[in-house]
Amino acid sequence: MPWVTDLTEFSIPAGKACPSPVIDCHDGMPVAWTIGTSPDSALANGMLADACSTLKDGEKPIIHSD
């Protein structure tokens, strides 16, 4: 069960937008995501906590991030 994640920063007229998704490599669908205004550890940790909350008993995904 491989998952991939990355944190990206976009400049938009209102400021910065930083999406942080986790994608399931099996079907390409997002497992969880967070969006904030700063690419910080709170954003990444929140996304990982949300993704982990979707796991069933015994599931242990491998997570890859650049």
Protein backbone atom coordinates (compact mmCIF):
# COMPACT_ATOMS: atom_id res chain seq x y z
CA MET A 1 0.00 0.00 0.00
CA PRO A 2 2.27 2.83 -1.18
CA TRP A 3 1.34 6.44 -0.52
CA VAL A 4 3.12 9.51 -1.88
CA THR A 5 3.06 13.06 -0.55
CA ASP A 6 4.50 16.45 -1.33
CA LEU A 7 3.99 19.95 -0.06
CA THR A 8 3.63 22.63 -2.75
CA GLU A 9 3.45 26.41 -2.55
CA PHE A 10 1.40 28.52 -4.98
CA SER A 11 1.37 32.28 -5.20
CA ILE A 12 -2.18 33.57 -5.69
CA PRO A 13 -3.59 37.12 -5.63
CA ALA A 14 -4.66 36.70 -1.99
CA GLY A 15 -1.18 35.49 -0.88
CA LYS A 16 0.20 31.96 -0.65
CA ALA A 17 -1.65 28.66 -0.80
CA CYS A 18 0.14 25.50 0.32
CA PRO A 19 -1.66 22.22 -0.41
CA SER A 20 -0.29 19.07 1.21
CA PRO A 21 -1.94 15.87 -0.09
CA VAL A 22 -1.38 12.15 0.42
CA ILE A 23 -2.10 10.13 -2.73
CA ASP A 24 -2.77 6.38 -2.83
CA CYS A 25 -0.55 4.91 -5.57
CA HIS A 26 -2.98 2.03 -6.12
CA ASP A 27 -5.83 4.14 -7.49
CA GLY A 28 -4.35 7.68 -7.68
CA MET A 29 -6.98 9.06 -5.33
CA PRO A 30 -6.23 11.44 -2.46
CA VAL A 31 -6.28 9.80 0.95
CA ALA A 32 -6.19 13.10 2.86
CA TRP A 33 -4.99 16.67 2.43
CA THR A 34 -4.50 19.93 4.21
CA ILE A 35 -4.21 23.46 2.86
CA GLY A 36 -2.54 26.35 4.62
CA THR A 37 -0.72 29.60 4.05
CA SER A 38 2.71 28.41 5.19
CA PRO A 39 4.60 25.22 4.24
CA ASP A 40 5.41 24.19 7.80
CA SER A 41 5.52 21.05 9.92
CA ALA A 42 2.04 21.68 11.36
CA LEU A 43 0.60 21.47 7.84
CA ALA A 44 2.47 18.23 7.04
CA ASN A 45 1.77 16.64 10.43
CA GLY A 46 -1.94 17.46 10.17
CA MET A 47 -2.10 15.84 6.75
CA LEU A 48 -0.34 12.71 8.02
CA ALA A 49 -2.64 12.47 11.05
CA ASP A 50 -5.69 12.77 8.77
CA ALA A 51 -4.31 10.11 6.42
CA CYS A 52 -3.50 7.73 9.28
CA SER A 53 -7.03 8.10 10.63
CA THR A 54 -8.30 6.41 7.43
CA LEU A 55 -6.29 3.22 8.03
CA LYS A 56 -7.99 -0.02 8.98
CA ASP A 57 -6.53 -2.39 11.58
CA GLY A 58 -3.33 -3.98 10.29
CA GLU A 59 -2.81 -1.59 7.37
CA LYS A 60 0.73 -0.23 7.25
CA PRO A 61 1.33 1.97 4.21
CA ILE A 62 4.75 2.92 2.93
CA ILE A 63 4.93 6.71 2.56
CA HIS A 64 7.29 8.40 0.09
CA SER A 65 8.01 12.11 0.11
CA ASP A 66 10.72 14.15 -1.62
